[in-house]
Amino acid sequence: MKVTRVDIFPLSVPLKGVFKNAHAVRTSQESIVLIVQTDEGFTGLGNVDPDPGYSEESFSDTLGAIRQLAPDLTGMDPLNITAALERMDRLLAGRLDAKAAIEMALFDLKGKVLGVPVHALLGGAVKEEIFLNAWIGMLPPEQAAAEACAWHQRGFRSAKIKVGSGIEQDYARVKSVREAVGNRMALRIDANEAYSADEAIRLGKALAPLDLFLFEQPVSRRDLDGMAKVRRAIEIPVMADEAILGPGTLIELIKKEAADIIKVKVMKQGGIQRTTQMIHTAEAAGIRCVIGHGFGLAINTLAELHVAASCRNVLDGCEFVGPLKMETDVVKECLRMDDGRIRVPLENGLGAEIDHVRLRESALASI
């Protein structure tokens, strides 16, 4: 079997409302979907959703890299994913998002050829369903509390609250949510690099009585010393997100003892295989993991779902809830996650089938 072509589709998908964090205010998501085709009729789906502020690479960077890498796959054995990754690394340094999209499609294709779900290719599923984490933006305290209650009524057991709008405002928002939900929900906060180490310590100490599950990326991704300082000074576990890219960044974080938890994304870590390897590396260092991207389509979400299902070191409250924020998707059957949980797919490959009508409707024709 050989790869015969790779079709690439840049998309723009509207979001359900306006979303604000310390990085940006957003009303739409630019995504990339690709379809790897073979001479025996099998196809594989890949998808990445570059996220301004989170991704090291822009949408145009990723799209350009995919267009550069894809032709080089023609004639390759699509089942040899390791060889494909090595070939991409030789051709182009970095560009983890682009490599993740292509590798994802190869995993999907391989699962279809072998007649197994992707998690079987990773060693097998250790969970039958995954619990999800809700999100609350930088809202006024009363509105944030109301949203938290609404998420709980839908079945969500945990929620992330965005912070970074100022210590007093953040404290009021988080306190209002905790008072509204009591001990019925686990709460985590995410500063998206908004604070200095000293400011993050002030906020962390103020919020300590509110029993928070974690404090995500309190300082700049490049300030691991600052992260370590925050971790030593506060009671709330510190999680690194933007600071974690390839394996080297994880090793550096471990050496500096800069986080209790890390957050991984298949897109940001360069694919399913590398993400799984990093989760196991973190486990060996006694560090737990959260997985998930905030905005995105079903294909990317399914890739992270398969990884989560195969790794005990991934905590409950996965954050791959992007499809809940999207007005539409490009798969025939939308993912069912409205009640705060999602079943682990048993279908071959990732478990998605492309809807070509929806794909065309979201396409960016001018790129």
Protein backbone atom coordinates (compact mmCIF):
# COMPACT_ATOMS: atom_id res chain seq x y z
CA MET A 1 0.00 0.00 0.00
CA LYS A 2 1.24 3.49 -0.86
CA VAL A 3 0.14 7.06 -0.23
CA THR A 4 -1.13 8.54 -3.50
CA ARG A 5 -2.20 12.04 -2.45
CA VAL A 6 -2.97 14.34 0.46
CA ASP A 7 -5.89 16.76 0.17
CA ILE A 8 -5.67 19.85 2.38
CA PHE A 9 -8.63 22.00 3.44
CA PRO A 10 -8.14 25.32 5.30
CA LEU A 11 -11.36 26.23 7.13
CA SER A 12 -12.96 28.99 9.15
CA VAL A 13 -15.69 27.88 11.56
CA PRO A 14 -17.78 30.32 13.63
CA LEU A 15 -17.87 29.86 17.39
CA LYS A 16 -20.97 29.79 19.59
CA GLY A 17 -20.54 33.26 21.03
CA VAL A 18 -17.52 35.33 22.04
CA PHE A 19 -14.67 33.83 24.06
CA LYS A 20 -12.16 35.90 26.01
CA ASN A 21 -8.98 34.88 27.81
CA ALA A 22 -5.66 36.54 28.56
CA HIS A 23 -4.48 35.88 25.00
CA ALA A 24 -7.36 37.02 22.80
CA VAL A 25 -11.05 37.63 22.15
CA ARG A 26 -12.41 35.17 19.61
CA THR A 27 -15.54 34.60 17.52
CA SER A 28 -14.25 32.02 15.01
CA GLN A 29 -11.72 29.21 14.66
CA GLU A 30 -9.39 28.69 11.71
CA SER A 31 -8.75 24.98 11.26
CA ILE A 32 -7.04 22.65 8.82
CA VAL A 33 -8.40 19.27 7.76
CA LEU A 34 -6.51 16.86 5.54
CA ILE A 35 -7.33 13.55 3.89
CA VAL A 36 -4.56 11.05 3.12
CA GLN A 37 -5.48 8.72 0.27
CA THR A 38 -3.90 5.40 -0.77
CA ASP A 39 -3.75 3.21 -3.86
CA GLU A 40 -5.94 0.60 -2.13
CA GLY A 41 -8.82 2.96 -1.40
CA PHE A 42 -8.19 3.56 2.30
CA THR A 43 -8.23 7.14 3.60
CA GLY A 44 -7.17 8.80 6.83
CA LEU A 45 -8.38 12.04 8.41
CA GLY A 46 -6.20 14.60 10.17
CA ASN A 47 -7.09 17.95 11.72
CA VAL A 48 -5.41 20.68 13.70
CA ASP A 49 -6.89 23.88 15.05
CA PRO A 50 -4.08 26.44 15.52
CA ASP A 51 -4.85 28.54 18.55
CA PRO A 52 -3.57 32.14 18.71
CA GLY A 53 -1.58 32.65 21.89
CA TYR A 54 -1.22 28.94 22.61
CA SER A 55 0.37 27.68 19.41
CA GLU A 56 3.96 28.63 18.70
CA GLU A 57 3.01 28.61 15.01
CA SER A 58 0.38 30.69 13.23
CA PHE A 59 -2.39 29.28 11.08
CA SER A 60 -0.52 30.32 7.93
CA ASP A 61 2.72 28.78 9.26
CA THR A 62 0.98 25.47 9.85
CA LEU A 63 -0.86 25.50 6.55
CA GLY A 64 2.35 26.28 4.66
CA ALA A 65 4.22 23.51 6.47
CA ILE A 66 1.53 20.93 5.69
CA ARG A 67 1.64 21.94 2.04
CA GLN A 68 5.41 21.52 2.10
CA LEU A 69 5.41 18.17 3.89
CA ALA A 70 2.43 16.44 2.27
CA PRO A 71 3.84 15.85 -1.25
CA ASP A 72 6.89 14.12 0.23
CA LEU A 73 4.62 11.38 1.62
CA THR A 74 3.56 10.25 -1.85
CA GLY A 75 4.72 6.69 -2.44
CA MET A 76 5.38 5.98 1.24
CA ASP A 77 3.94 3.08 3.22
CA PRO A 78 1.20 4.81 5.29
CA LEU A 79 1.36 2.12 7.97
CA ASN A 80 4.94 2.96 8.89
CA ILE A 81 4.18 6.03 11.00
CA THR A 82 7.63 6.17 12.60
CA ALA A 83 9.28 6.36 9.17
CA ALA A 84 6.88 9.11 8.13
CA LEU A 85 7.72 11.15 11.25
CA GLU A 86 11.44 10.72 10.68
CA ARG A 87 11.04 11.81 7.08
CA MET A 88 9.08 14.90 8.08
CA ASP A 89 11.69 15.79 10.71
CA ARG A 90 14.47 15.55 8.13
CA LEU A 91 12.57 17.74 5.70
CA LEU A 92 11.43 20.43 8.14
CA ALA A 93 12.49 21.34 11.67
CA GLY A 94 9.81 22.19 14.23
CA ARG A 95 6.34 22.76 12.80
CA LEU A 96 4.78 20.39 15.33
CA ASP A 97 1.20 21.34 14.48
CA ALA A 98 1.65 20.41 10.82
CA LYS A 99 3.33 17.10 11.64
CA ALA A 100 0.55 16.29 14.10
CA ALA A 101 -2.11 16.73 11.41
CA ILE A 102 -0.35 14.35 9.03
CA GLU A 103 0.52 11.78 11.69
CA MET A 104 -3.08 11.86 12.94
CA ALA A 105 -4.34 10.98 9.46
CA LEU A 106 -1.87 8.08 9.26
CA PHE A 107 -3.06 6.71 12.61
CA ASP A 108 -6.67 6.96 11.42
CA LEU A 109 -5.79 5.19 8.18
CA LYS A 110 -3.80 2.46 9.94
CA GLY A 111 -6.66 1.73 12.31
CA LYS A 112 -9.04 1.38 9.37
CA VAL A 113 -6.67 -0.93 7.50
CA LEU A 114 -6.12 -3.16 10.54
CA GLY A 115 -9.74 -3.00 11.66
CA VAL A 116 -9.06 -1.54 15.12
CA PRO A 117 -9.60 1.81 16.91
CA VAL A 118 -6.58 4.08 17.34
CA HIS A 119 -6.38 3.39 21.08
CA ALA A 120 -5.68 -0.27 20.23
CA LEU A 121 -2.61 0.92 18.29
CA LEU A 122 -1.46 2.67 21.49
CA GLY A 123 -1.70 -0.48 23.60
CA GLY A 124 -5.42 -0.54 24.32
CA ALA A 125 -8.04 1.44 26.23
CA VAL A 126 -8.01 1.45 30.03
CA LYS A 127 -11.20 3.54 30.24
CA GLU A 128 -14.62 3.12 28.65
CA GLU A 129 -15.68 6.74 29.03
CA ILE A 130 -13.94 10.03 29.67
CA PHE A 131 -15.17 12.82 31.95
CA LEU A 132 -14.84 16.34 30.58
CA ASN A 133 -14.05 19.76 32.01
CA ALA A 134 -16.31 22.78 31.47
CA TRP A 135 -14.99 26.30 30.90
CA ILE A 136 -15.87 29.75 32.20
CA GLY A 137 -14.37 32.84 30.59
CA MET A 138 -13.39 36.21 32.04
CA LEU A 139 -16.92 37.07 33.09
CA PRO A 140 -18.37 39.24 35.85
CA PRO A 141 -18.69 37.23 39.08
CA GLU A 142 -22.47 36.77 38.95
CA GLN A 143 -22.40 35.63 35.33
CA ALA A 144 -19.49 33.26 35.97
CA ALA A 145 -21.41 31.72 38.88
CA ALA A 146 -24.52 31.26 36.77
CA GLU A 147 -22.54 29.55 34.03
CA ALA A 148 -20.92 27.21 36.54
CA CYS A 149 -24.32 26.17 37.86
CA ALA A 150 -25.55 25.58 34.32
CA TRP A 151 -22.55 23.35 33.55
CA HIS A 152 -23.19 21.36 36.72
CA GLN A 153 -26.83 20.87 35.84
CA ARG A 154 -25.75 19.43 32.48
CA GLY A 155 -23.60 16.86 34.26
CA PHE A 156 -20.11 18.39 34.34
CA ARG A 157 -18.14 17.57 37.48
CA SER A 158 -15.35 20.11 36.98
CA ALA A 159 -14.79 23.51 35.38
CA LYS A 160 -11.93 25.82 34.43
CA ILE A 161 -12.20 29.52 35.19
CA LYS A 162 -10.14 31.94 33.13
CA VAL A 163 -8.17 34.48 35.14
CA GLY A 164 -5.68 37.20 34.28
CA SER A 165 -7.84 40.30 34.42
CA GLY A 166 -6.33 41.53 37.71
CA ILE A 167 -5.95 39.92 41.11
CA GLU A 168 -9.03 41.51 42.69
CA GLN A 169 -11.26 40.79 39.71
CA ASP A 170 -9.99 37.23 39.46
CA TYR A 171 -10.53 36.60 43.16
CA ALA A 172 -14.10 37.90 42.99
CA ARG A 173 -14.88 35.73 39.95
CA VAL A 174 -13.51 32.53 41.43
CA LYS A 175 -15.03 33.15 44.87
CA SER A 176 -18.44 33.72 43.30
CA VAL A 177 -18.24 30.44 41.39
CA ARG A 178 -17.14 28.46 44.45
CA GLU A 179 -19.96 29.91 46.54
CA ALA A 180 -22.47 29.02 43.80
CA VAL A 181 -21.42 25.39 43.25
CA GLY A 182 -20.16 24.56 46.75
CA ASN A 183 -18.20 21.31 46.78
CA ARG A 184 -20.17 19.84 43.88
CA MET A 185 -17.55 20.75 41.28
CA ALA A 186 -13.76 20.63 41.11
CA LEU A 187 -12.52 24.06 40.04
CA ARG A 188 -9.31 24.95 38.22
CA ILE A 189 -8.03 28.35 37.09
CA ASP A 190 -6.01 29.31 34.02
CA ALA A 191 -4.02 32.55 33.79
CA ASN A 192 -2.62 31.97 30.27
CA GLU A 193 0.74 33.50 31.28
CA ALA A 194 -0.88 36.73 32.48
CA TYR A 195 1.03 37.27 35.73
CA SER A 196 4.50 37.75 37.10
CA ALA A 197 5.62 35.18 39.66
CA ASP A 198 4.98 37.54 42.58
CA GLU A 199 1.50 38.44 41.32
CA ALA A 200 0.65 34.77 40.77
CA ILE A 201 1.76 33.99 44.32
CA ARG A 202 -0.49 36.74 45.69
CA LEU A 203 -3.45 35.36 43.74
CA GLY A 204 -2.67 31.76 44.64
CA LYS A 205 -2.47 32.53 48.36
CA ALA A 206 -5.70 34.52 48.25
CA LEU A 207 -7.51 31.67 46.49
CA ALA A 208 -6.08 28.85 48.63
CA PRO A 209 -9.15 28.63 50.94
CA LEU A 210 -11.37 28.02 47.89
CA ASP A 211 -9.99 24.48 47.37
CA LEU A 212 -8.84 24.73 43.74
CA PHE A 213 -7.71 21.65 41.83
CA LEU A 214 -4.95 23.43 39.89
CA PHE A 215 -3.53 26.79 38.78
CA GLU A 216 -2.64 26.64 35.08
CA GLN A 217 0.25 28.53 33.48
CA PRO A 218 0.43 31.40 35.98
CA VAL A 219 3.50 33.01 34.34
CA SER A 220 5.20 33.22 30.96
CA ARG A 221 5.93 29.95 29.20
CA ARG A 222 9.60 30.96 29.10
CA ASP A 223 9.87 31.61 32.85
CA LEU A 224 10.30 28.14 34.32
CA ASP A 225 12.18 29.60 37.26
CA GLY A 226 9.14 31.78 37.94
CA MET A 227 6.86 28.74 37.66
CA ALA A 228 9.00 26.87 40.17
CA LYS A 229 8.88 29.87 42.52
CA VAL A 230 5.07 29.96 42.35
CA ARG A 231 4.86 26.20 42.88
CA ARG A 232 7.00 26.38 46.03
CA ALA A 233 5.03 29.31 47.45
CA ILE A 234 1.36 28.26 47.06
CA GLU A 235 -0.78 25.32 48.11
CA ILE A 236 -2.64 25.00 44.80
CA PRO A 237 -0.99 22.52 42.38
CA VAL A 238 0.60 24.33 39.42
CA MET A 239 0.05 23.10 35.87
CA ALA A 240 2.19 23.96 32.84
CA ASP A 241 0.49 24.31 29.46
CA GLU A 242 2.03 26.86 27.09
CA ALA A 243 5.45 25.97 28.54
CA ILE A 244 5.19 22.39 27.22
CA LEU A 245 6.07 21.78 23.56
CA GLY A 246 8.44 19.01 22.54
CA PRO A 247 10.04 16.47 24.91
CA GLY A 248 12.96 18.80 25.67
CA THR A 249 10.65 21.34 27.33
CA LEU A 250 9.22 18.61 29.55
CA ILE A 251 12.67 17.45 30.62
CA GLU A 252 13.66 21.02 31.49
CA LEU A 253 10.47 21.48 33.51
CA ILE A 254 11.13 18.24 35.40
CA LYS A 255 14.69 19.32 36.20
CA LYS A 256 13.48 22.66 37.57
CA GLU A 257 10.57 21.06 39.47
CA ALA A 258 8.40 23.78 37.95
CA ALA A 259 4.99 22.04 37.89
CA ASP A 260 2.88 19.40 39.60
CA ILE A 261 0.84 18.70 36.47
CA ILE A 262 1.38 19.24 32.75
CA LYS A 263 -1.17 19.80 30.03
CA VAL A 264 -0.64 18.21 26.63
CA LYS A 265 -2.33 18.62 23.27
CA VAL A 266 -1.83 16.27 20.34
CA MET A 267 -1.45 19.27 18.04
CA LYS A 268 1.01 21.14 20.25
CA GLN A 269 3.17 18.12 21.03
CA GLY A 270 3.54 17.07 17.39
CA GLY A 271 1.20 14.11 17.15
CA ILE A 272 -0.38 11.13 18.89
CA GLN A 273 2.83 9.13 19.27
CA ARG A 274 4.89 11.95 20.78
CA THR A 275 2.07 13.05 23.07
CA THR A 276 1.74 9.52 24.45
CA GLN A 277 5.50 9.30 24.99
CA MET A 278 5.49 12.58 26.91
CA ILE A 279 2.61 11.43 29.12
CA HIS A 280 4.62 8.34 30.06
CA THR A 281 7.75 10.43 30.67
CA ALA A 282 5.77 12.71 32.99
CA GLU A 283 4.40 9.67 34.81
CA ALA A 284 7.93 8.40 35.43
CA ALA A 285 8.71 11.77 37.05
CA GLY A 286 5.60 11.64 39.25
CA ILE A 287 3.76 14.31 37.24
CA ARG A 288 0.11 13.85 36.29
CA CYS A 289 -1.34 15.05 32.98
CA VAL A 290 -4.36 16.88 31.64
CA ILE A 291 -5.11 16.62 27.93
CA GLY A 292 -7.19 18.78 25.66
CA HIS A 293 -7.43 21.76 23.33
CA GLY A 294 -9.96 24.51 23.93
CA PHE A 295 -11.19 25.25 20.42
CA GLY A 296 -11.49 22.77 17.59
CA LEU A 297 -13.23 20.16 15.53
CA ALA A 298 -14.17 16.54 16.14
CA ILE A 299 -11.22 14.91 14.38
CA ASN A 300 -8.58 16.58 16.56
CA THR A 301 -10.78 15.93 19.59
CA LEU A 302 -11.00 12.22 18.79
CA ALA A 303 -7.22 11.98 18.54
CA GLU A 304 -6.91 13.29 22.10
CA LEU A 305 -9.75 11.06 23.27
CA HIS A 306 -7.90 7.95 22.06
CA VAL A 307 -4.72 9.08 23.85
CA ALA A 308 -6.62 9.77 27.07
CA ALA A 309 -8.32 6.39 26.90
CA SER A 310 -4.99 4.58 26.66
CA CYS A 311 -3.13 6.40 29.48
CA ARG A 312 -3.89 6.02 33.20
CA ASN A 313 -1.74 9.08 33.89
CA VAL A 314 -4.34 11.37 32.26
CA LEU A 315 -6.54 12.96 34.92
CA ASP A 316 -10.33 13.12 34.80
CA GLY A 317 -11.69 16.40 33.51
CA CYS A 318 -10.24 16.26 30.01
CA GLU A 319 -10.30 19.61 28.23
CA PHE A 320 -10.93 18.57 24.61
CA VAL A 321 -14.32 20.28 24.59
CA GLY A 322 -13.73 22.31 21.40
CA PRO A 323 -16.73 20.86 19.52
CA LEU A 324 -19.07 22.27 22.17
CA LYS A 325 -17.87 25.77 21.21
CA MET A 326 -18.21 25.33 17.43
CA GLU A 327 -21.30 26.26 15.42
CA THR A 328 -20.71 23.34 13.04
CA ASP A 329 -18.29 20.51 12.32
CA VAL A 330 -17.03 18.59 9.29
CA VAL A 331 -17.94 15.04 10.37
CA LYS A 332 -21.17 13.19 9.66
CA GLU A 333 -21.89 12.38 13.29
CA CYS A 334 -21.15 15.06 15.87
CA LEU A 335 -19.56 14.00 19.13
CA ARG A 336 -21.89 13.48 22.09
CA MET A 337 -20.42 15.29 25.07
CA ASP A 338 -23.22 17.53 26.30
CA ASP A 339 -23.53 15.77 29.66
CA GLY A 340 -19.90 16.14 30.66
CA ARG A 341 -18.70 12.77 29.46
CA ILE A 342 -17.89 11.01 26.20
CA ARG A 343 -17.62 7.34 25.37
CA VAL A 344 -14.37 5.91 24.06
CA PRO A 345 -14.86 5.01 20.38
CA LEU A 346 -14.83 1.38 19.29
CA GLU A 347 -14.98 2.16 15.57
CA ASN A 348 -11.95 1.56 13.37
CA GLY A 349 -9.43 4.38 13.23
CA LEU A 350 -10.36 7.61 14.97
CA GLY A 351 -14.06 6.89 14.56
CA ALA A 352 -15.09 9.76 12.28
CA GLU A 353 -16.37 10.04 8.74
CA ILE A 354 -16.00 13.26 6.80
CA ASP A 355 -19.07 15.22 5.71
CA HIS A 356 -17.98 16.68 2.38
CA VAL A 357 -20.89 19.15 2.25
CA ARG A 358 -19.98 20.68 5.62
CA LEU A 359 -16.31 20.63 4.62
CA ARG A 360 -17.03 22.70 1.51
CA GLU A 361 -19.25 25.11 3.44
CA SER A 362 -16.45 25.96 5.89
CA ALA A 363 -13.64 26.09 3.32
CA LEU A 364 -11.50 29.21 2.95
CA ALA A 365 -11.46 29.48 -0.82
CA SER A 366 -8.96 32.35 -0.98
CA ILE A 367 -6.09 30.60 0.81
